Amino acid sequence: MGRIDNEKVTVGHMIEIWCRHHHGTILCSKASEKGLCPDCKALLDYSLARLDHCKFGNDKTKCHKCPIHCYKPDMREQIRAVMRFSGPRMLFYHPIEAIRYLIEK
């Protein structure tokens, strides 16, 4: 799996954690059956589209270190809130991904 694929999985997990705690949705184990509310589903779709169109491809840095801000301002604030909330909780829900992130950092 390349960096873009890893980022997609990670952002999906982070949005799931956010949605579960803020909107009361249930986490699903199958990626195709994510139980997200419409707002979180829209944020996930937007994030995945941004990753698909990243001009750096698999050579990209972490999004927060990127010199180009490809998110619209309102979506950027939403994803920041999600990351701020979900980041520390990733260690409990997805420990391997959290450790991989810390190692790559």
PDB file of N, CA and C in Angstrom:
ATOM      1  N   MET A   1       0.838  -1.182   0.000  1.00  0.00           N
ATOM      2  CA  MET A   1       0.000   0.000   0.000  1.00  0.00           C
ATOM      3  C   MET A   1       0.881   1.243   0.000  1.00  0.00           C
ATOM      4  N   GLY A   2       0.526   2.220  -0.802  1.00  0.00           N
ATOM      5  CA  GLY A   2       1.278   3.458  -0.874  1.00  0.00           C
ATOM      6  C   GLY A   2       0.830   4.443   0.194  1.00  0.00           C
ATOM      7  N   ARG A   3       1.505   5.552   0.236  1.00  0.00           N
ATOM      8  CA  ARG A   3       1.201   6.577   1.239  1.00  0.00           C
ATOM      9  C   ARG A   3      -0.224   7.097   1.094  1.00  0.00           C
ATOM     10  N   ILE A   4      -0.678   7.312  -0.139  1.00  0.00           N
ATOM     11  CA  ILE A   4      -2.043   7.815  -0.357  1.00  0.00           C
ATOM     12  C   ILE A   4      -3.061   6.818   0.197  1.00  0.00           C
ATOM     13  N   ASP A   5      -2.866   5.539  -0.084  1.00  0.00           N
ATOM     14  CA  ASP A   5      -3.788   4.518   0.420  1.00  0.00           C
ATOM     15  C   ASP A   5      -3.799   4.491   1.948  1.00  0.00           C
ATOM     16  N   ASN A   6      -2.624   4.605   2.559  1.00  0.00           N
ATOM     17  CA  ASN A   6      -2.548   4.646   4.018  1.00  0.00           C
ATOM     18  C   ASN A   6      -3.278   5.861   4.568  1.00  0.00           C
ATOM     19  N   GLU A   7      -3.099   6.993   3.917  1.00  0.00           N
ATOM     20  CA  GLU A   7      -3.774   8.224   4.357  1.00  0.00           C
ATOM     21  C   GLU A   7      -5.295   8.072   4.252  1.00  0.00           C
ATOM     22  N   LYS A   8      -5.763   7.433   3.192  1.00  0.00           N
ATOM     23  CA  LYS A   8      -7.205   7.234   3.016  1.00  0.00           C
ATOM     24  C   LYS A   8      -7.783   6.385   4.142  1.00  0.00           C
ATOM     25  N   VAL A   9      -7.091   5.306   4.472  1.00  0.00           N
ATOM     26  CA  VAL A   9      -7.549   4.428   5.544  1.00  0.00           C
ATOM     27  C   VAL A   9      -7.560   5.190   6.869  1.00  0.00           C
ATOM     28  N   THR A  10      -6.490   5.918   7.129  1.00  0.00           N
ATOM     29  CA  THR A  10      -6.380   6.646   8.392  1.00  0.00           C
ATOM     30  C   THR A  10      -7.454   7.715   8.525  1.00  0.00           C
ATOM     31  N   VAL A  11      -7.667   8.503   7.492  1.00  0.00           N
ATOM     32  CA  VAL A  11      -8.683   9.555   7.574  1.00  0.00           C
ATOM     33  C   VAL A  11     -10.074   8.934   7.727  1.00  0.00           C
ATOM     34  N   GLY A  12     -10.298   7.804   7.102  1.00  0.00           N
ATOM     35  CA  GLY A  12     -11.579   7.111   7.262  1.00  0.00           C
ATOM     36  C   GLY A  12     -11.810   6.677   8.699  1.00  0.00           C
ATOM     37  N   HIS A  13     -10.778   6.136   9.322  1.00  0.00           N
ATOM     38  CA  HIS A  13     -10.893   5.718  10.717  1.00  0.00           C
ATOM     39  C   HIS A  13     -11.100   6.918  11.637  1.00  0.00           C
ATOM     40  N   MET A  14     -10.414   7.999  11.355  1.00  0.00           N
ATOM     41  CA  MET A  14     -10.539   9.181  12.208  1.00  0.00           C
ATOM     42  C   MET A  14     -11.938   9.791  12.108  1.00  0.00           C
ATOM     43  N   ILE A  15     -12.487   9.828  10.921  1.00  0.00           N
ATOM     44  CA  ILE A  15     -13.842  10.363  10.756  1.00  0.00           C
ATOM     45  C   ILE A  15     -14.864   9.430  11.407  1.00  0.00           C
ATOM     46  N   GLU A  16     -14.636   8.122  11.342  1.00  0.00           N
ATOM     47  CA  GLU A  16     -15.523   7.173  12.022  1.00  0.00           C
ATOM     48  C   GLU A  16     -15.539   7.420  13.527  1.00  0.00           C
ATOM     49  N   ILE A  17     -14.361   7.610  14.114  1.00  0.00           N
ATOM     50  CA  ILE A  17     -14.273   7.862  15.554  1.00  0.00           C
ATOM     51  C   ILE A  17     -15.008   9.146  15.907  1.00  0.00           C
ATOM     52  N   TRP A  18     -14.784  10.192  15.138  1.00  0.00           N
ATOM     53  CA  TRP A  18     -15.461  11.484  15.351  1.00  0.00           C
ATOM     54  C   TRP A  18     -16.977  11.313  15.293  1.00  0.00           C
ATOM     55  N   CYS A  19     -17.443  10.665  14.247  1.00  0.00           N
ATOM     56  CA  CYS A  19     -18.880  10.511  14.027  1.00  0.00           C
ATOM     57  C   CYS A  19     -19.515   9.683  15.145  1.00  0.00           C
ATOM     58  N   ARG A  20     -18.813   8.658  15.562  1.00  0.00           N
ATOM     59  CA  ARG A  20     -19.343   7.812  16.636  1.00  0.00           C
ATOM     60  C   ARG A  20     -19.525   8.614  17.919  1.00  0.00           C
ATOM     61  N   HIS A  21     -18.538   9.429  18.262  1.00  0.00           N
ATOM     62  CA  HIS A  21     -18.598  10.167  19.519  1.00  0.00           C
ATOM     63  C   HIS A  21     -19.468  11.412  19.451  1.00  0.00           C
ATOM     64  N   HIS A  22     -19.558  12.044  18.297  1.00  0.00           N
ATOM     65  CA  HIS A  22     -20.315  13.289  18.192  1.00  0.00           C
ATOM     66  C   HIS A  22     -21.722  13.123  17.625  1.00  0.00           C
ATOM     67  N   HIS A  23     -21.926  12.083  16.845  1.00  0.00           N
ATOM     68  CA  HIS A  23     -23.228  11.904  16.199  1.00  0.00           C
ATOM     69  C   HIS A  23     -23.887  10.579  16.535  1.00  0.00           C
ATOM     70  N   GLY A  24     -23.243   9.777  17.358  1.00  0.00           N
ATOM     71  CA  GLY A  24     -23.843   8.534  17.842  1.00  0.00           C
ATOM     72  C   GLY A  24     -23.945   7.422  16.820  1.00  0.00           C
ATOM     73  N   THR A  25     -23.135   7.441  15.789  1.00  0.00           N
ATOM     74  CA  THR A  25     -23.186   6.368  14.806  1.00  0.00           C
ATOM     75  C   THR A  25     -22.388   5.170  15.314  1.00  0.00           C
ATOM     76  N   ILE A  26     -22.556   4.050  14.678  1.00  0.00           N
ATOM     77  CA  ILE A  26     -21.897   2.806  15.075  1.00  0.00           C
ATOM     78  C   ILE A  26     -20.787   2.503  14.094  1.00  0.00           C
ATOM     79  N   LEU A  27     -19.622   2.142  14.629  1.00  0.00           N
ATOM     80  CA  LEU A  27     -18.492   1.769  13.777  1.00  0.00           C
ATOM     81  C   LEU A  27     -18.759   0.418  13.131  1.00  0.00           C
ATOM     82  N   CYS A  28     -18.509   0.327  11.856  1.00  0.00           N
ATOM     83  CA  CYS A  28     -18.651  -0.923  11.123  1.00  0.00           C
ATOM     84  C   CYS A  28     -17.270  -1.430  10.758  1.00  0.00           C
ATOM     85  N   SER A  29     -17.106  -2.732  10.713  1.00  0.00           N
ATOM     86  CA  SER A  29     -15.793  -3.282  10.390  1.00  0.00           C
ATOM     87  C   SER A  29     -15.525  -3.259   8.890  1.00  0.00           C
ATOM     88  N   LYS A  30     -16.565  -3.287   8.079  1.00  0.00           N
ATOM     89  CA  LYS A  30     -16.384  -3.283   6.624  1.00  0.00           C
ATOM     90  C   LYS A  30     -16.310  -1.853   6.116  1.00  0.00           C
ATOM     91  N   ALA A  31     -15.270  -1.570   5.347  1.00  0.00           N
ATOM     92  CA  ALA A  31     -15.070  -0.199   4.858  1.00  0.00           C
ATOM     93  C   ALA A  31     -16.230   0.262   3.979  1.00  0.00           C
ATOM     94  N   SER A  32     -16.852  -0.663   3.259  1.00  0.00           N
ATOM     95  CA  SER A  32     -17.941  -0.279   2.362  1.00  0.00           C
ATOM     96  C   SER A  32     -19.234  -0.010   3.115  1.00  0.00           C
ATOM     97  N   GLU A  33     -19.282  -0.374   4.397  1.00  0.00           N
ATOM     98  CA  GLU A  33     -20.506  -0.194   5.175  1.00  0.00           C
ATOM     99  C   GLU A  33     -20.297   0.772   6.331  1.00  0.00           C
ATOM    100  N   LYS A  34     -19.496   1.787   6.116  1.00  0.00           N
ATOM    101  CA  LYS A  34     -19.241   2.754   7.184  1.00  0.00           C
ATOM    102  C   LYS A  34     -20.564   3.384   7.598  1.00  0.00           C
ATOM    103  N   GLY A  35     -20.854   3.309   8.879  1.00  0.00           N
ATOM    104  CA  GLY A  35     -22.090   3.874   9.393  1.00  0.00           C
ATOM    105  C   GLY A  35     -21.904   5.326   9.770  1.00  0.00           C
ATOM    106  N   LEU A  36     -21.741   6.188   8.799  1.00  0.00           N
ATOM    107  CA  LEU A  36     -21.508   7.607   9.042  1.00  0.00           C
ATOM    108  C   LEU A  36     -22.775   8.408   8.799  1.00  0.00           C
ATOM    109  N   CYS A  37     -22.904   9.512   9.534  1.00  0.00           N
ATOM    110  CA  CYS A  37     -23.999  10.435   9.270  1.00  0.00           C
ATOM    111  C   CYS A  37     -23.721  11.135   7.933  1.00  0.00           C
ATOM    112  N   PRO A  38     -24.711  11.777   7.349  1.00  0.00           N
ATOM    113  CA  PRO A  38     -24.505  12.431   6.041  1.00  0.00           C
ATOM    114  C   PRO A  38     -23.390  13.483   6.031  1.00  0.00           C
ATOM    115  N   ASP A  39     -23.265  14.262   7.107  1.00  0.00           N
ATOM    116  CA  ASP A  39     -22.214  15.287   7.150  1.00  0.00           C
ATOM    117  C   ASP A  39     -20.825  14.657   7.172  1.00  0.00           C
ATOM    118  N   CYS A  40     -20.662  13.621   7.974  1.00  0.00           N
ATOM    119  CA  CYS A  40     -19.357  12.955   8.058  1.00  0.00           C
ATOM    120  C   CYS A  40     -19.057  12.180   6.780  1.00  0.00           C
ATOM    121  N   LYS A  41     -20.079  11.624   6.158  1.00  0.00           N
ATOM    122  CA  LYS A  41     -19.891  10.935   4.877  1.00  0.00           C
ATOM    123  C   LYS A  41     -19.417  11.934   3.823  1.00  0.00           C
ATOM    124  N   ALA A  42     -19.995  13.130   3.829  1.00  0.00           N
ATOM    125  CA  ALA A  42     -19.581  14.173   2.877  1.00  0.00           C
ATOM    126  C   ALA A  42     -18.135  14.586   3.136  1.00  0.00           C
ATOM    127  N   LEU A  43     -17.751  14.703   4.405  1.00  0.00           N
ATOM    128  CA  LEU A  43     -16.370  15.059   4.745  1.00  0.00           C
ATOM    129  C   LEU A  43     -15.418  13.962   4.306  1.00  0.00           C
ATOM    130  N   LEU A  44     -15.796  12.717   4.517  1.00  0.00           N
ATOM    131  CA  LEU A  44     -14.958  11.594   4.084  1.00  0.00           C
ATOM    132  C   LEU A  44     -14.813  11.575   2.568  1.00  0.00           C
ATOM    133  N   ASP A  45     -15.901  11.731   1.857  1.00  0.00           N
ATOM    134  CA  ASP A  45     -15.850  11.745   0.390  1.00  0.00           C
ATOM    135  C   ASP A  45     -14.962  12.879  -0.113  1.00  0.00           C
ATOM    136  N   TYR A  46     -15.080  14.048   0.510  1.00  0.00           N
ATOM    137  CA  TYR A  46     -14.263  15.195   0.125  1.00  0.00           C
ATOM    138  C   TYR A  46     -12.785  14.908   0.387  1.00  0.00           C
ATOM    139  N   SER A  47     -12.484  14.351   1.551  1.00  0.00           N
ATOM    140  CA  SER A  47     -11.089  14.039   1.907  1.00  0.00           C
ATOM    141  C   SER A  47     -10.489  13.012   0.954  1.00  0.00           C
ATOM    142  N   LEU A  48     -11.256  11.992   0.617  1.00  0.00           N
ATOM    143  CA  LEU A  48     -10.763  10.965  -0.302  1.00  0.00           C
ATOM    144  C   LEU A  48     -10.544  11.548  -1.700  1.00  0.00           C
ATOM    145  N   ALA A  49     -11.421  12.449  -2.120  1.00  0.00           N
ATOM    146  CA  ALA A  49     -11.251  13.098  -3.430  1.00  0.00           C
ATOM    147  C   ALA A  49      -9.993  13.967  -3.443  1.00  0.00           C
ATOM    148  N   ARG A  50      -9.746  14.678  -2.346  1.00  0.00           N
ATOM    149  CA  ARG A  50      -8.535  15.502  -2.249  1.00  0.00           C
ATOM    150  C   ARG A  50      -7.289  14.623  -2.311  1.00  0.00           C
ATOM    151  N   LEU A  51      -7.319  13.481  -1.649  1.00  0.00           N
ATOM    152  CA  LEU A  51      -6.169  12.573  -1.693  1.00  0.00           C
ATOM    153  C   LEU A  51      -5.987  11.981  -3.082  1.00  0.00           C
ATOM    154  N   ASP A  52      -7.087  11.682  -3.763  1.00  0.00           N
ATOM    155  CA  ASP A  52      -6.991  11.153  -5.129  1.00  0.00           C
ATOM    156  C   ASP A  52      -6.345  12.153  -6.074  1.00  0.00           C
ATOM    157  N   HIS A  53      -6.553  13.440  -5.824  1.00  0.00           N
ATOM    158  CA  HIS A  53      -6.038  14.478  -6.714  1.00  0.00           C
ATOM    159  C   HIS A  53      -4.780  15.157  -6.192  1.00  0.00           C
ATOM    160  N   CYS A  54      -4.136  14.567  -5.194  1.00  0.00           N
ATOM    161  CA  CYS A  54      -2.924  15.168  -4.632  1.00  0.00           C
ATOM    162  C   CYS A  54      -1.835  15.203  -5.698  1.00  0.00           C
ATOM    163  N   LYS A  55      -1.294  16.384  -5.931  1.00  0.00           N
ATOM    164  CA  LYS A  55      -0.304  16.528  -6.998  1.00  0.00           C
ATOM    165  C   LYS A  55       1.035  15.889  -6.644  1.00  0.00           C
ATOM    166  N   PHE A  56       1.268  15.588  -5.362  1.00  0.00           N
ATOM    167  CA  PHE A  56       2.523  14.972  -4.947  1.00  0.00           C
ATOM    168  C   PHE A  56       2.483  13.444  -5.018  1.00  0.00           C
ATOM    169  N   GLY A  57       1.293  12.876  -5.138  1.00  0.00           N
ATOM    170  CA  GLY A  57       1.162  11.427  -5.231  1.00  0.00           C
ATOM    171  C   GLY A  57       1.721  10.727  -4.009  1.00  0.00           C
ATOM    172  N   ASN A  58       2.371   9.592  -4.218  1.00  0.00           N
ATOM    173  CA  ASN A  58       2.911   8.826  -3.101  1.00  0.00           C
ATOM    174  C   ASN A  58       4.166   9.457  -2.494  1.00  0.00           C
ATOM    175  N   ASP A  59       4.637  10.560  -3.065  1.00  0.00           N
ATOM    176  CA  ASP A  59       5.775  11.274  -2.496  1.00  0.00           C
ATOM    177  C   ASP A  59       5.327  12.376  -1.536  1.00  0.00           C
ATOM    178  N   LYS A  60       4.044  12.427  -1.249  1.00  0.00           N
ATOM    179  CA  LYS A  60       3.499  13.503  -0.420  1.00  0.00           C
ATOM    180  C   LYS A  60       3.977  13.391   1.022  1.00  0.00           C
ATOM    181  N   THR A  61       3.938  14.523   1.710  1.00  0.00           N
ATOM    182  CA  THR A  61       4.196  14.554   3.139  1.00  0.00           C
ATOM    183  C   THR A  61       2.858  14.381   3.840  1.00  0.00           C
ATOM    184  N   LYS A  62       2.859  14.440   5.136  1.00  0.00           N
ATOM    185  CA  LYS A  62       1.596  14.455   5.867  1.00  0.00           C
ATOM    186  C   LYS A  62       0.862  15.740   5.491  1.00  0.00           C
ATOM    187  N   CYS A  63      -0.438  15.691   5.464  1.00  0.00           N
ATOM    188  CA  CYS A  63      -1.222  16.846   5.006  1.00  0.00           C
ATOM    189  C   CYS A  63      -0.943  18.102   5.825  1.00  0.00           C
ATOM    190  N   HIS A  64      -0.739  17.961   7.135  1.00  0.00           N
ATOM    191  CA  HIS A  64      -0.511  19.161   7.946  1.00  0.00           C
ATOM    192  C   HIS A  64       0.848  19.794   7.667  1.00  0.00           C
ATOM    193  N   LYS A  65       1.748  19.087   6.995  1.00  0.00           N
ATOM    194  CA  LYS A  65       3.055  19.641   6.637  1.00  0.00           C
ATOM    195  C   LYS A  65       3.128  20.071   5.171  1.00  0.00           C
ATOM    196  N   CYS A  66       2.060  19.897   4.442  1.00  0.00           N
ATOM    197  CA  CYS A  66       2.049  20.171   3.012  1.00  0.00           C
ATOM    198  C   CYS A  66       2.097  21.676   2.735  1.00  0.00           C
ATOM    199  N   PRO A  67       2.878  22.098   1.744  1.00  0.00           N
ATOM    200  CA  PRO A  67       2.945  23.523   1.415  1.00  0.00           C
ATOM    201  C   PRO A  67       1.694  24.021   0.674  1.00  0.00           C
ATOM    202  N   ILE A  68       0.905  23.108   0.134  1.00  0.00           N
ATOM    203  CA  ILE A  68      -0.306  23.466  -0.606  1.00  0.00           C
ATOM    204  C   ILE A  68      -1.516  23.044   0.213  1.00  0.00           C
ATOM    205  N   HIS A  69      -2.432  23.975   0.453  1.00  0.00           N
ATOM    206  CA  HIS A  69      -3.651  23.656   1.194  1.00  0.00           C
ATOM    207  C   HIS A  69      -4.775  23.437   0.193  1.00  0.00           C
ATOM    208  N   CYS A  70      -5.080  22.187  -0.078  1.00  0.00           N
ATOM    209  CA  CYS A  70      -6.041  21.875  -1.133  1.00  0.00           C
ATOM    210  C   CYS A  70      -7.480  21.796  -0.623  1.00  0.00           C
ATOM    211  N   TYR A  71      -7.691  21.889   0.684  1.00  0.00           N
ATOM    212  CA  TYR A  71      -9.043  21.857   1.228  1.00  0.00           C
ATOM    213  C   TYR A  71      -9.649  23.259   1.190  1.00  0.00           C
ATOM    214  N   LYS A  72     -10.965  23.320   0.973  1.00  0.00           N
ATOM    215  CA  LYS A  72     -11.683  24.580   1.116  1.00  0.00           C
ATOM    216  C   LYS A  72     -11.624  24.970   2.595  1.00  0.00           C
ATOM    217  N   PRO A  73     -11.646  26.265   2.905  1.00  0.00           N
ATOM    218  CA  PRO A  73     -11.485  26.686   4.305  1.00  0.00           C
ATOM    219  C   PRO A  73     -12.462  26.030   5.288  1.00  0.00           C
ATOM    220  N   ASP A  74     -13.732  25.904   4.922  1.00  0.00           N
ATOM    221  CA  ASP A  74     -14.690  25.308   5.855  1.00  0.00           C
ATOM    222  C   ASP A  74     -14.419  23.820   6.062  1.00  0.00           C
ATOM    223  N   MET A  75     -14.063  23.124   4.992  1.00  0.00           N
ATOM    224  CA  MET A  75     -13.744  21.700   5.111  1.00  0.00           C
ATOM    225  C   MET A  75     -12.434  21.505   5.884  1.00  0.00           C
ATOM    226  N   ARG A  76     -11.525  22.430   5.707  1.00  0.00           N
ATOM    227  CA  ARG A  76     -10.248  22.351   6.414  1.00  0.00           C
ATOM    228  C   ARG A  76     -10.463  22.464   7.919  1.00  0.00           C
ATOM    229  N   GLU A  77     -11.328  23.359   8.329  1.00  0.00           N
ATOM    230  CA  GLU A  77     -11.632  23.500   9.758  1.00  0.00           C
ATOM    231  C   GLU A  77     -12.310  22.246  10.292  1.00  0.00           C
ATOM    232  N   GLN A  78     -13.203  21.664   9.491  1.00  0.00           N
ATOM    233  CA  GLN A  78     -13.873  20.430   9.923  1.00  0.00           C
ATOM    234  C   GLN A  78     -12.875  19.296  10.107  1.00  0.00           C
ATOM    235  N   ILE A  79     -11.991  19.106   9.140  1.00  0.00           N
ATOM    236  CA  ILE A  79     -11.045  17.998   9.229  1.00  0.00           C
ATOM    237  C   ILE A  79     -10.040  18.245  10.354  1.00  0.00           C
ATOM    238  N   ARG A  80      -9.711  19.492  10.611  1.00  0.00           N
ATOM    239  CA  ARG A  80      -8.830  19.808  11.743  1.00  0.00           C
ATOM    240  C   ARG A  80      -9.476  19.404  13.060  1.00  0.00           C
ATOM    241  N   ALA A  81     -10.751  19.722  13.215  1.00  0.00           N
ATOM    242  CA  ALA A  81     -11.470  19.348  14.436  1.00  0.00           C
ATOM    243  C   ALA A  81     -11.508  17.827  14.594  1.00  0.00           C
ATOM    244  N   VAL A  82     -11.760  17.140  13.491  1.00  0.00           N
ATOM    245  CA  VAL A  82     -11.792  15.674  13.512  1.00  0.00           C
ATOM    246  C   VAL A  82     -10.428  15.128  13.930  1.00  0.00           C
ATOM    247  N   MET A  83      -9.371  15.630  13.319  1.00  0.00           N
ATOM    248  CA  MET A  83      -8.018  15.141  13.613  1.00  0.00           C
ATOM    249  C   MET A  83      -7.627  15.447  15.059  1.00  0.00           C
ATOM    250  N   ARG A  84      -7.959  16.631  15.529  1.00  0.00           N
ATOM    251  CA  ARG A  84      -7.634  17.022  16.897  1.00  0.00           C
ATOM    252  C   ARG A  84      -8.320  16.094  17.899  1.00  0.00           C
ATOM    253  N   PHE A  85      -9.560  15.735  17.624  1.00  0.00           N
ATOM    254  CA  PHE A  85     -10.314  14.862  18.519  1.00  0.00           C
ATOM    255  C   PHE A  85      -9.885  13.404  18.374  1.00  0.00           C
ATOM    256  N   SER A  86      -9.798  12.928  17.142  1.00  0.00           N
ATOM    257  CA  SER A  86      -9.588  11.503  16.887  1.00  0.00           C
ATOM    258  C   SER A  86      -8.140  11.058  17.022  1.00  0.00           C
ATOM    259  N   GLY A  87      -7.201  11.961  16.790  1.00  0.00           N
ATOM    260  CA  GLY A  87      -5.791  11.591  16.830  1.00  0.00           C
ATOM    261  C   GLY A  87      -5.387  10.861  18.095  1.00  0.00           C
ATOM    262  N   PRO A  88      -5.640  11.434  19.271  1.00  0.00           N
ATOM    263  CA  PRO A  88      -5.262  10.740  20.497  1.00  0.00           C
ATOM    264  C   PRO A  88      -6.013   9.426  20.719  1.00  0.00           C
ATOM    265  N   ARG A  89      -7.213   9.325  20.198  1.00  0.00           N
ATOM    266  CA  ARG A  89      -8.022   8.118  20.385  1.00  0.00           C
ATOM    267  C   ARG A  89      -7.645   6.988  19.426  1.00  0.00           C
ATOM    268  N   MET A  90      -6.887   7.314  18.393  1.00  0.00           N
ATOM    269  CA  MET A  90      -6.453   6.286  17.433  1.00  0.00           C
ATOM    270  C   MET A  90      -5.659   5.187  18.122  1.00  0.00           C
ATOM    271  N   LEU A  91      -4.943   5.524  19.174  1.00  0.00           N
ATOM    272  CA  LEU A  91      -4.145   4.536  19.892  1.00  0.00           C
ATOM    273  C   LEU A  91      -5.029   3.445  20.489  1.00  0.00           C
ATOM    274  N   PHE A  92      -6.259   3.779  20.849  1.00  0.00           N
ATOM    275  CA  PHE A  92      -7.178   2.796  21.432  1.00  0.00           C
ATOM    276  C   PHE A  92      -7.957   2.021  20.375  1.00  0.00           C
ATOM    277  N   TYR A  93      -8.356   2.699  19.295  1.00  0.00           N
ATOM    278  CA  TYR A  93      -9.185   2.066  18.276  1.00  0.00           C
ATOM    279  C   TYR A  93      -8.364   1.395  17.173  1.00  0.00           C
ATOM    280  N   HIS A  94      -7.256   1.998  16.784  1.00  0.00           N
ATOM    281  CA  HIS A  94      -6.419   1.476  15.697  1.00  0.00           C
ATOM    282  C   HIS A  94      -4.952   1.664  16.081  1.00  0.00           C
ATOM    283  N   PRO A  95      -4.474   0.867  17.046  1.00  0.00           N
ATOM    284  CA  PRO A  95      -3.122   1.092  17.577  1.00  0.00           C
ATOM    285  C   PRO A  95      -2.001   0.922  16.550  1.00  0.00           C
ATOM    286  N   ILE A  96      -2.141   0.003  15.616  1.00  0.00           N
ATOM    287  CA  ILE A  96      -1.074  -0.206  14.628  1.00  0.00           C
ATOM    288  C   ILE A  96      -0.933   1.030  13.740  1.00  0.00           C
ATOM    289  N   GLU A  97      -2.053   1.579  13.310  1.00  0.00           N
ATOM    290  CA  GLU A  97      -1.991   2.798  12.491  1.00  0.00           C
ATOM    291  C   GLU A  97      -1.418   3.964  13.278  1.00  0.00           C
ATOM    292  N   ALA A  98      -1.784   4.076  14.538  1.00  0.00           N
ATOM    293  CA  ALA A  98      -1.280   5.173  15.367  1.00  0.00           C
ATOM    294  C   ALA A  98       0.231   5.064  15.540  1.00  0.00           C
ATOM    295  N   ILE A  99       0.721   3.883  15.772  1.00  0.00           N
ATOM    296  CA  ILE A  99       2.164   3.683  15.943  1.00  0.00           C
ATOM    297  C   ILE A  99       2.885   3.938  14.627  1.00  0.00           C
ATOM    298  N   ARG A 100       2.314   3.473  13.519  1.00  0.00           N
ATOM    299  CA  ARG A 100       2.918   3.730  12.204  1.00  0.00           C
ATOM    300  C   ARG A 100       3.014   5.225  11.938  1.00  0.00           C
ATOM    301  N   TYR A 101       1.979   5.964  12.302  1.00  0.00           N
ATOM    302  CA  TYR A 101       1.983   7.414  12.117  1.00  0.00           C
ATOM    303  C   TYR A 101       3.100   8.063  12.932  1.00  0.00           C
ATOM    304  N   LEU A 102       3.226   7.631  14.181  1.00  0.00           N
ATOM    305  CA  LEU A 102       4.259   8.210  15.044  1.00  0.00           C
ATOM    306  C   LEU A 102       5.667   7.893  14.545  1.00  0.00           C
ATOM    307  N   ILE A 103       5.855   6.709  13.999  1.00  0.00           N
ATOM    308  CA  ILE A 103       7.160   6.328  13.471  1.00  0.00           C
ATOM    309  C   ILE A 103       7.487   7.152  12.233  1.00  0.00           C
ATOM    310  N   GLU A 104       6.507   7.345  11.343  1.00  0.00           N
ATOM    311  CA  GLU A 104       6.727   8.110  10.106  1.00  0.00           C
ATOM    312  C   GLU A 104       6.877   9.596  10.379  1.00  0.00           C
ATOM    313  N   LYS A 105       6.391  10.061  11.488  1.00  0.00           N
ATOM    314  CA  LYS A 105       6.428  11.486  11.822  1.00  0.00           C
ATOM    315  C   LYS A 105       7.844  11.881  12.024  1.00  0.00           C
TER     316      LYS A 105
END
